[in-house]
Protein backbone atom coordinates (compact mmCIF):
# COMPACT_ATOMS: atom_id res chain seq x y z
CA MET A 1 -41.03 -106.32 -177.06
CA LYS A 2 -37.84 -107.06 -179.02
CA ASP A 3 -37.36 -110.58 -179.81
CA ARG A 4 -34.04 -111.89 -178.06
CA TRP A 5 -33.97 -115.25 -179.87
CA PRO A 6 -31.83 -114.15 -182.81
CA ASP A 7 -29.23 -112.83 -180.64
CA ALA A 8 -28.96 -115.60 -178.45
CA PHE A 9 -28.76 -118.17 -181.45
CA LYS A 10 -25.96 -115.76 -182.64
CA VAL A 11 -24.27 -116.57 -179.42
CA ILE A 12 -24.79 -120.07 -179.20
CA SER A 13 -23.44 -120.47 -182.98
CA LYS A 14 -20.32 -118.84 -182.04
CA LEU A 15 -19.73 -120.94 -179.16
CA GLU A 16 -20.42 -124.17 -181.03
CA ASP A 17 -18.22 -123.03 -183.74
CA ALA A 18 -15.37 -122.94 -181.18
CA GLY A 19 -16.04 -126.45 -179.88
CA PHE A 20 -18.13 -125.55 -177.03
CA GLU A 21 -21.73 -126.70 -176.07
CA ALA A 22 -24.29 -124.00 -175.34
CA TYR A 23 -28.21 -124.11 -174.92
CA VAL A 24 -30.91 -121.66 -174.07
CA VAL A 25 -32.02 -122.15 -170.43
CA GLY A 26 -34.44 -121.16 -167.68
CA GLY A 27 -37.65 -119.28 -168.09
CA ALA A 28 -37.08 -118.62 -171.88
CA VAL A 29 -37.47 -122.39 -172.54
CA ARG A 30 -40.47 -122.56 -170.18
CA ASP A 31 -42.07 -119.93 -171.96
CA PHE A 32 -41.11 -121.45 -175.33
CA VAL A 33 -42.60 -124.57 -174.38
CA ARG A 34 -45.78 -122.76 -173.31
CA GLY A 35 -45.98 -120.90 -176.54
CA VAL A 36 -45.34 -117.32 -175.05
CA GLN A 37 -42.87 -114.66 -175.77
CA ALA A 38 -39.96 -114.67 -173.25
CA ASN A 39 -38.49 -111.29 -171.85
CA ASP A 40 -35.09 -112.56 -171.53
CA VAL A 41 -32.95 -115.42 -173.04
CA ASP A 42 -30.16 -116.91 -170.98
CA ILE A 43 -27.51 -119.41 -172.11
CA THR A 44 -25.59 -121.78 -170.43
CA THR A 45 -22.43 -123.37 -171.73
CA ASN A 46 -19.45 -125.43 -170.79
CA ALA A 47 -17.02 -122.70 -171.90
CA LEU A 48 -15.34 -120.99 -168.73
CA PRO A 49 -15.90 -117.30 -168.23
CA HIS A 50 -12.60 -116.48 -169.76
CA GLU A 51 -13.09 -118.40 -172.81
CA VAL A 52 -16.62 -116.76 -173.41
CA LYS A 53 -14.73 -113.48 -173.00
CA THR A 54 -11.94 -114.44 -175.90
CA LEU A 55 -14.68 -115.02 -178.18
CA PHE A 56 -16.83 -112.09 -178.10
CA GLU A 57 -15.77 -108.52 -178.75
CA HIS A 58 -18.04 -106.63 -176.05
CA THR A 59 -18.63 -108.35 -172.59
CA ILE A 60 -19.56 -107.33 -169.25
CA ASP A 61 -18.58 -109.12 -165.97
CA VAL A 62 -21.65 -109.16 -164.01
CA GLY A 63 -21.11 -112.35 -161.65
CA ILE A 64 -17.90 -113.68 -163.21
CA GLU A 65 -17.00 -115.52 -159.89
CA HIS A 66 -20.24 -117.52 -160.40
CA GLY A 67 -19.64 -118.02 -164.04
CA THR A 68 -21.87 -115.45 -165.47
CA VAL A 69 -20.87 -112.95 -168.34
CA LEU A 70 -22.68 -110.70 -170.35
CA VAL A 71 -22.22 -110.88 -174.06
CA VAL A 72 -23.26 -107.62 -175.73
CA LEU A 73 -24.58 -107.93 -179.32
CA GLU A 74 -27.32 -105.47 -180.04
CA ASP A 75 -28.82 -106.30 -176.61
CA PRO A 76 -27.17 -108.09 -173.65
CA ILE A 77 -27.18 -111.93 -173.22
CA GLU A 78 -26.54 -113.62 -170.03
CA VAL A 79 -24.07 -116.56 -170.71
CA THR A 80 -23.20 -118.84 -167.62
CA THR A 81 -20.99 -121.67 -167.43
CA TYR A 82 -22.39 -124.93 -166.13
CA ARG A 83 -21.89 -125.19 -162.59
CA SER A 84 -23.08 -126.80 -159.48
CA GLU A 85 -23.29 -125.50 -155.77
CA THR A 86 -21.66 -127.08 -152.70
CA SER A 87 -23.41 -126.62 -149.21
CA TYR A 88 -25.61 -123.59 -148.24
CA SER A 89 -24.67 -122.93 -144.56
CA ASP A 90 -26.74 -119.56 -144.74
CA PHE A 91 -29.87 -120.91 -146.59
CA ARG A 92 -29.12 -118.34 -149.21
CA ARG A 93 -25.86 -118.48 -151.21
CA PRO A 94 -23.65 -121.40 -152.11
CA ASP A 95 -20.66 -121.79 -149.89
CA GLU A 96 -18.63 -122.58 -153.04
CA VAL A 97 -19.53 -122.57 -156.72
CA ARG A 98 -17.95 -125.32 -158.85
CA PHE A 99 -17.88 -125.50 -162.65
CA VAL A 100 -18.93 -128.64 -164.16
CA ARG A 101 -18.71 -130.11 -167.71
CA THR A 102 -22.11 -131.63 -168.21
CA LEU A 103 -25.45 -130.05 -168.92
CA ARG A 104 -27.21 -132.47 -166.69
CA GLU A 105 -25.17 -131.61 -163.57
CA ASP A 106 -25.90 -127.75 -164.36
CA LEU A 107 -29.74 -128.22 -164.63
CA GLN A 108 -30.14 -130.71 -161.61
CA ARG A 109 -29.02 -127.66 -159.38
CA ARG A 110 -31.99 -125.54 -160.34
CA ASP A 111 -35.30 -125.11 -158.51
CA PHE A 112 -38.30 -126.45 -160.58
CA THR A 113 -38.56 -128.94 -163.15
CA ILE A 114 -40.19 -126.23 -165.23
CA ASN A 115 -37.23 -124.05 -165.02
CA ALA A 116 -34.67 -127.05 -165.65
CA MET A 117 -35.09 -127.66 -169.23
CA ALA A 118 -32.91 -126.63 -172.13
CA LEU A 119 -33.34 -125.69 -175.62
CA THR A 120 -30.67 -126.12 -178.63
CA LYS A 121 -30.51 -123.63 -181.32
CA GLU A 122 -32.47 -126.21 -183.43
CA ASP A 123 -35.33 -125.80 -181.12
CA GLU A 124 -34.41 -129.48 -179.42
CA LEU A 125 -36.00 -129.58 -176.01
CA ILE A 126 -33.69 -131.52 -173.33
CA ASP A 127 -35.87 -132.37 -170.36
CA PHE A 128 -34.13 -134.43 -167.82
CA PHE A 129 -36.45 -133.90 -164.98
CA GLY A 130 -40.07 -133.87 -166.62
CA GLY A 131 -40.54 -130.17 -167.01
CA LYS A 132 -42.48 -130.40 -170.12
CA GLN A 133 -44.87 -132.83 -168.44
CA ASP A 134 -45.13 -130.65 -165.42
CA LEU A 135 -46.13 -127.73 -167.43
CA LYS A 136 -48.82 -129.91 -168.95
CA LEU A 137 -50.11 -130.82 -165.56
CA LYS A 138 -49.82 -127.19 -164.44
CA ILE A 139 -47.73 -128.02 -161.38
CA ILE A 140 -44.79 -126.49 -159.64
CA LYS A 141 -42.47 -129.27 -158.81
CA ALA A 142 -38.85 -129.07 -157.30
CA VAL A 143 -35.95 -130.66 -159.06
CA GLY A 144 -34.98 -133.87 -157.06
CA ASN A 145 -35.70 -133.50 -153.28
CA PRO A 146 -37.80 -130.18 -152.40
CA LYS A 147 -36.34 -130.11 -148.78
CA GLU A 148 -32.88 -130.09 -150.27
CA ARG A 149 -33.66 -127.19 -152.92
CA PHE A 150 -35.33 -125.16 -150.27
CA SER A 151 -32.49 -125.56 -147.71
CA GLU A 152 -30.25 -124.36 -150.49
CA ASP A 153 -32.04 -121.34 -150.91
CA ALA A 154 -34.97 -120.49 -148.66
CA LEU A 155 -36.37 -117.87 -151.18
CA ARG A 156 -37.20 -120.70 -153.47
CA MET A 157 -40.32 -121.58 -151.19
CA LEU A 158 -41.65 -117.89 -151.76
CA ARG A 159 -40.62 -118.46 -155.63
CA ALA A 160 -42.82 -121.47 -155.75
CA ILE A 161 -45.73 -119.68 -154.66
CA ARG A 162 -44.91 -116.81 -157.13
CA PHE A 163 -44.81 -119.03 -160.16
CA SER A 164 -48.06 -120.74 -158.81
CA SER A 165 -49.57 -117.25 -158.92
CA GLN A 166 -48.20 -116.10 -162.24
CA LEU A 167 -49.12 -119.33 -163.97
CA ASN A 168 -52.24 -120.48 -162.19
CA PHE A 169 -50.48 -123.64 -161.49
CA SER A 170 -50.76 -126.09 -158.33
CA LEU A 171 -47.75 -126.89 -156.13
CA GLU A 172 -46.90 -130.51 -156.35
CA LYS A 173 -47.52 -132.41 -152.82
CA SER A 174 -43.91 -133.11 -151.76
CA THR A 175 -42.99 -129.52 -152.95
CA LEU A 176 -45.98 -128.02 -150.80
CA ASP A 177 -45.17 -130.22 -148.00
CA ALA A 178 -41.40 -129.27 -147.81
CA ILE A 179 -42.65 -125.51 -147.69
CA GLN A 180 -45.19 -126.03 -144.94
CA GLU A 181 -42.26 -127.97 -142.90
CA LEU A 182 -39.12 -125.60 -143.65
CA HIS A 183 -41.25 -122.18 -143.86
CA PRO A 184 -39.01 -120.91 -140.80
CA LEU A 185 -36.08 -120.86 -143.08
CA ILE A 186 -37.53 -117.80 -144.89
CA THR A 187 -36.16 -115.72 -142.01
CA HIS A 188 -32.81 -116.15 -143.50
CA ILE A 189 -33.77 -114.28 -146.66
CA SER A 190 -33.03 -110.53 -146.92
CA MET A 191 -36.39 -108.27 -146.91
CA GLU A 192 -35.30 -106.98 -150.17
CA ARG A 193 -35.47 -110.39 -151.98
CA VAL A 194 -38.88 -111.23 -150.20
CA LYS A 195 -40.30 -107.80 -151.37
CA VAL A 196 -39.39 -108.47 -155.25
CA GLU A 197 -41.32 -111.79 -154.82
CA LEU A 198 -44.36 -110.60 -153.20
CA GLU A 199 -44.71 -107.72 -155.74
CA LYS A 200 -44.35 -110.05 -158.76
CA ILE A 201 -47.12 -112.08 -156.99
CA TRP A 202 -49.32 -108.80 -156.77
CA ILE A 203 -48.80 -107.99 -160.41
CA SER A 204 -49.35 -111.53 -161.50
CA ASN A 205 -52.89 -112.55 -163.14
CA TYR A 206 -53.70 -114.53 -159.94
CA PRO A 207 -52.53 -112.85 -157.04
CA TYR A 208 -55.21 -114.36 -154.68
CA ARG A 209 -53.62 -117.63 -155.46
CA GLY A 210 -50.24 -116.51 -154.11
CA MET A 211 -51.53 -114.76 -151.20
CA GLU A 212 -53.58 -117.73 -150.05
CA LEU A 213 -50.51 -120.05 -150.51
CA PHE A 214 -48.53 -117.26 -148.63
CA ALA A 215 -50.88 -117.68 -145.61
CA ALA A 216 -51.53 -121.24 -145.84
CA THR A 217 -47.92 -122.62 -145.94
CA GLY A 218 -46.98 -120.65 -142.80
CA LEU A 219 -44.47 -118.14 -144.63
CA SER A 220 -46.45 -115.28 -143.73
CA GLU A 221 -45.93 -115.84 -139.87
CA HIS A 222 -42.46 -114.73 -140.27
CA PHE A 223 -43.62 -111.25 -141.61
CA LEU A 224 -44.96 -108.18 -140.10
CA GLY A 225 -48.85 -107.72 -140.34
CA ASP A 226 -51.97 -109.92 -140.63
CA TRP A 227 -51.66 -111.97 -143.99
CA CYS A 228 -54.40 -114.48 -143.05
CA THR A 229 -57.75 -113.09 -141.54
CA ASN A 230 -58.78 -111.30 -144.80
CA VAL A 231 -56.94 -113.30 -147.44
CA SER A 232 -60.21 -113.77 -149.70
CA LEU A 233 -60.14 -109.98 -150.36
CA TRP A 234 -57.24 -110.48 -152.62
CA LYS A 235 -59.72 -112.27 -154.77
CA GLN A 236 -60.97 -108.72 -155.84
CA PHE A 237 -57.58 -107.11 -155.80
CA ASN A 238 -56.46 -105.11 -159.09
CA HIS A 239 -52.75 -103.98 -159.30
CA PHE A 240 -53.62 -101.27 -161.94
CA GLY A 241 -50.26 -101.78 -163.32
CA ASN A 242 -48.43 -100.54 -160.25
CA ARG A 243 -46.46 -102.87 -157.71
CA ALA A 244 -46.98 -100.16 -155.10
CA ASN A 245 -50.66 -100.81 -154.94
CA GLY A 246 -50.18 -104.10 -153.32
CA TRP A 247 -48.47 -102.35 -150.37
CA ALA A 248 -51.47 -99.82 -150.32
CA PHE A 249 -54.01 -102.86 -150.24
CA PHE A 250 -52.21 -104.71 -147.62
CA VAL A 251 -51.85 -101.67 -145.41
CA LEU A 252 -55.24 -100.89 -145.81
CA MET A 253 -56.13 -104.29 -144.63
CA ASN A 254 -53.95 -103.62 -141.58
CA GLU A 255 -55.26 -100.14 -140.31
CA GLY A 256 -54.36 -101.10 -136.77
CA LEU A 257 -50.70 -101.15 -137.52
CA ASN A 258 -48.19 -98.38 -137.86
CA ILE A 259 -48.19 -97.32 -141.67
CA GLY A 260 -44.47 -96.30 -141.67
CA GLU A 261 -43.44 -99.39 -139.59
CA ILE A 262 -44.90 -101.67 -142.13
CA LEU A 263 -43.38 -99.93 -145.19
CA SER A 264 -40.06 -99.34 -143.53
CA THR A 265 -39.60 -103.00 -142.61
CA PHE A 266 -40.27 -104.28 -146.16
CA LYS A 267 -37.53 -101.73 -147.47
CA CYS A 268 -40.23 -99.68 -149.36
CA SER A 269 -38.61 -96.50 -151.30
CA ASN A 270 -39.82 -93.20 -150.41
CA ASP A 271 -41.58 -92.74 -153.41
CA GLU A 272 -43.55 -95.86 -152.55
CA LYS A 273 -44.15 -94.62 -149.01
CA SER A 274 -45.47 -91.33 -150.36
CA TYR A 275 -47.64 -93.15 -152.98
CA VAL A 276 -49.16 -95.54 -150.39
CA LYS A 277 -49.78 -92.58 -148.09
CA ASN A 278 -51.59 -90.87 -150.71
CA VAL A 279 -53.77 -93.56 -151.30
CA LEU A 280 -54.73 -93.94 -147.76
CA LEU A 281 -55.26 -90.18 -147.47
CA ALA A 282 -57.61 -90.32 -150.59
CA VAL A 283 -59.59 -93.11 -148.99
CA LYS A 284 -59.90 -91.15 -145.83
CA PHE A 285 -61.35 -88.18 -147.67
CA LEU A 286 -63.78 -90.70 -149.53
CA LYS A 287 -65.50 -91.87 -146.52
CA LYS A 288 -67.80 -88.86 -146.52
CA GLY A 289 -69.03 -90.13 -149.93
CA PHE A 290 -67.48 -87.90 -152.56
CA TRP A 291 -64.36 -85.96 -153.40
CA THR A 292 -64.27 -82.38 -153.53
CA SER A 293 -62.64 -80.69 -156.64
CA TYR A 294 -59.49 -79.75 -154.57
CA GLU A 295 -59.30 -83.42 -153.41
CA LEU A 296 -59.35 -84.63 -157.01
CA PHE A 297 -56.89 -82.01 -157.90
CA GLN A 298 -54.61 -82.99 -154.96
CA PHE A 299 -54.04 -86.56 -156.03
CA THR A 300 -53.03 -88.26 -159.46
CA VAL A 301 -55.59 -90.44 -161.36
CA GLU A 302 -53.50 -93.47 -160.42
CA VAL A 303 -53.94 -92.73 -156.76
CA LEU A 304 -57.65 -91.92 -156.94
CA ILE A 305 -58.39 -95.14 -159.17
CA ALA A 306 -56.67 -97.12 -156.14
CA ALA A 307 -58.26 -95.61 -153.50
CA ALA A 308 -61.69 -95.75 -155.25
CA SER A 309 -61.20 -99.52 -155.71
CA TYR A 310 -59.88 -100.52 -152.52
CA SER A 311 -62.07 -98.38 -150.29
CA GLN A 312 -65.00 -100.34 -151.67
CA ILE A 313 -63.25 -103.99 -151.32
CA ILE A 314 -61.74 -103.44 -147.91
CA GLN A 315 -63.85 -100.75 -146.05
CA HIS A 316 -67.13 -101.10 -148.13
CA ILE A 317 -67.35 -97.41 -148.94
CA GLU A 318 -70.21 -96.99 -151.70
CA HIS A 319 -69.36 -94.15 -154.05
CA PRO A 320 -69.96 -93.20 -157.86
CA TYR A 321 -66.34 -93.51 -158.97
CA THR A 322 -64.96 -95.67 -161.84
CA PRO A 323 -61.58 -95.33 -163.65
CA ASP A 324 -63.33 -93.63 -166.62
CA ILE A 325 -65.45 -91.13 -164.44
CA LEU A 326 -62.16 -90.27 -162.38
CA ALA A 327 -60.24 -89.56 -165.58
CA ASP A 328 -63.21 -87.28 -167.13
CA LEU A 329 -63.24 -85.36 -163.72
CA LYS A 330 -59.65 -84.77 -163.61
CA ALA A 331 -59.54 -83.61 -167.17
CA ARG A 332 -62.46 -81.19 -166.40
CA LEU A 333 -60.72 -79.60 -163.57
CA ALA A 334 -59.93 -75.83 -164.39
CA ILE A 335 -56.23 -76.49 -163.58
CA SER A 336 -54.29 -79.83 -163.29
CA SER A 337 -51.29 -78.10 -161.47
CA VAL A 338 -50.37 -74.99 -159.33
CA ARG A 339 -47.96 -74.15 -162.05
CA GLU A 340 -51.02 -73.41 -164.31
CA ILE A 341 -51.90 -70.43 -162.03
CA VAL A 342 -51.23 -67.36 -163.93
CA VAL A 343 -49.86 -65.28 -161.10
CA SER A 344 -46.92 -66.15 -158.82
CA GLY A 345 -45.70 -65.22 -155.19
CA HIS A 346 -43.58 -62.41 -156.48
CA ASP A 347 -46.94 -61.02 -158.14
CA LEU A 348 -48.59 -61.10 -154.90
CA MET A 349 -45.58 -59.51 -153.00
CA GLU A 350 -45.54 -56.69 -155.67
CA TRP A 351 -49.17 -55.89 -155.39
CA LYS A 352 -49.17 -55.87 -151.58
CA LYS A 353 -45.78 -54.30 -151.24
CA GLU A 354 -44.94 -57.02 -148.42
CA LYS A 355 -42.09 -59.45 -148.23
CA ARG A 356 -42.11 -63.08 -148.72
CA GLY A 357 -43.58 -65.01 -145.65
CA PRO A 358 -46.30 -67.98 -144.85
CA TRP A 359 -49.06 -65.61 -146.20
CA ILE A 360 -48.10 -66.30 -149.73
CA ARG A 361 -48.88 -69.89 -149.55
CA GLU A 362 -52.15 -69.19 -147.54
CA VAL A 363 -53.30 -67.04 -150.50
CA LEU A 364 -52.19 -69.36 -153.23
CA ASP A 365 -53.89 -72.22 -151.44
CA ARG A 366 -57.05 -70.21 -151.29
CA LEU A 367 -56.65 -69.17 -154.68
CA THR A 368 -56.24 -72.71 -155.92
CA THR A 369 -59.48 -73.93 -154.21
CA MET A 370 -61.38 -70.97 -155.63
CA ILE A 371 -60.18 -71.51 -159.23
CA LEU A 372 -61.11 -75.49 -158.90
CA ASN A 373 -64.53 -74.40 -157.48
CA GLU A 374 -64.90 -72.03 -160.42
CA GLU A 375 -65.52 -68.95 -158.05
CA ILE A 376 -62.83 -67.10 -159.94
CA GLU A 377 -61.40 -67.52 -163.46
CA ASN A 378 -57.54 -68.32 -163.93
CA ASP A 379 -57.11 -64.93 -165.45
CA ARG A 380 -54.40 -62.43 -164.41
CA GLN A 381 -56.33 -59.36 -164.31
CA HIS A 382 -59.52 -61.00 -162.34
CA ILE A 383 -57.05 -62.49 -159.74
CA LYS A 384 -55.09 -59.16 -159.28
CA GLU A 385 -58.68 -57.53 -158.53
CA TRP A 386 -59.71 -60.16 -156.20
CA PHE A 387 -56.51 -60.23 -154.49
CA ILE A 388 -56.24 -56.12 -154.07
CA ARG A 389 -59.82 -56.52 -152.91
CA GLU A 390 -59.15 -59.12 -150.31
CA TYR A 391 -55.85 -58.33 -149.11
CA VAL A 392 -54.58 -54.78 -150.02
CA ASN A 393 -57.63 -52.36 -149.57
């Protein structure tokens, strides 16, 4: 992963040389204090957006009405003007954004203390709200009054849980109490934003902590499905590097509900829907105790690994499959794709002197199964002889 800090410091230096203040803020500072590498490094400054744009040759307006400009050096760096926000009548977006001139005013509008620190290019930490101490104590605590923070943006309640899940931190009592009181406000948040936070919980190191809090705070009450009855099963959940596996796991826990309705409600993409349905189909086939060669062929290794794991956790299906065994079985198959079959539908039509029709698919499906079961070699001459014997003579 590329180190973003040198570019960020170049941006800060140029802003300071022009007479402005500039600091690294947000998650990058939190990660710096924790001693881990940051994915993104964002900057806040008292320079107005048009002043930022005049200082740098290449900029992109990504949210200029809210004070944000992308400064592109080798990689883009997000630069945002100090700002405060007025009332939030829809519990999602500020009715008005106001630019302010002090760093403290900017930081006090942020969600949690661990995200409300700033850093100079000389690595001096600025911490008005005790974020460093809260990192040490391993707690998620709202900046100022938690009810105000959650009323400003109700998604922050779910973000608190997500950070708890990612960092294995506890929720500070007043922050937890505020979520338990204000959880109905989550209904004002778009499903797309909720989906992002849930998926971040699932791919975190401690998904069970997140799902337990999601249920215990009352937030889950406002979403389709049973999130509470079997919440302990998330202790055994492995995402295997794929966010969609969270949906597969959740759907398997809710077998009585309409799969399509759940996935559509949460705005899953067509690819995600297809993936989840394949995992469920693979689990269904596994109920007999094993997968045939054709079933192993039909699904990707990723689908098979997820289905094998979740079938044991949720449906207590006993089977011999581990990820390594599945990868080996897939590698041993005679073919890995129908495209590897050495004859085509055109060959079949020529040999049989018959026009295209459903019969071609039936023959190719049968041929695929026979090749996978090693009943016939994937050899053109052998296949031709078999086909003429079975379908022509």
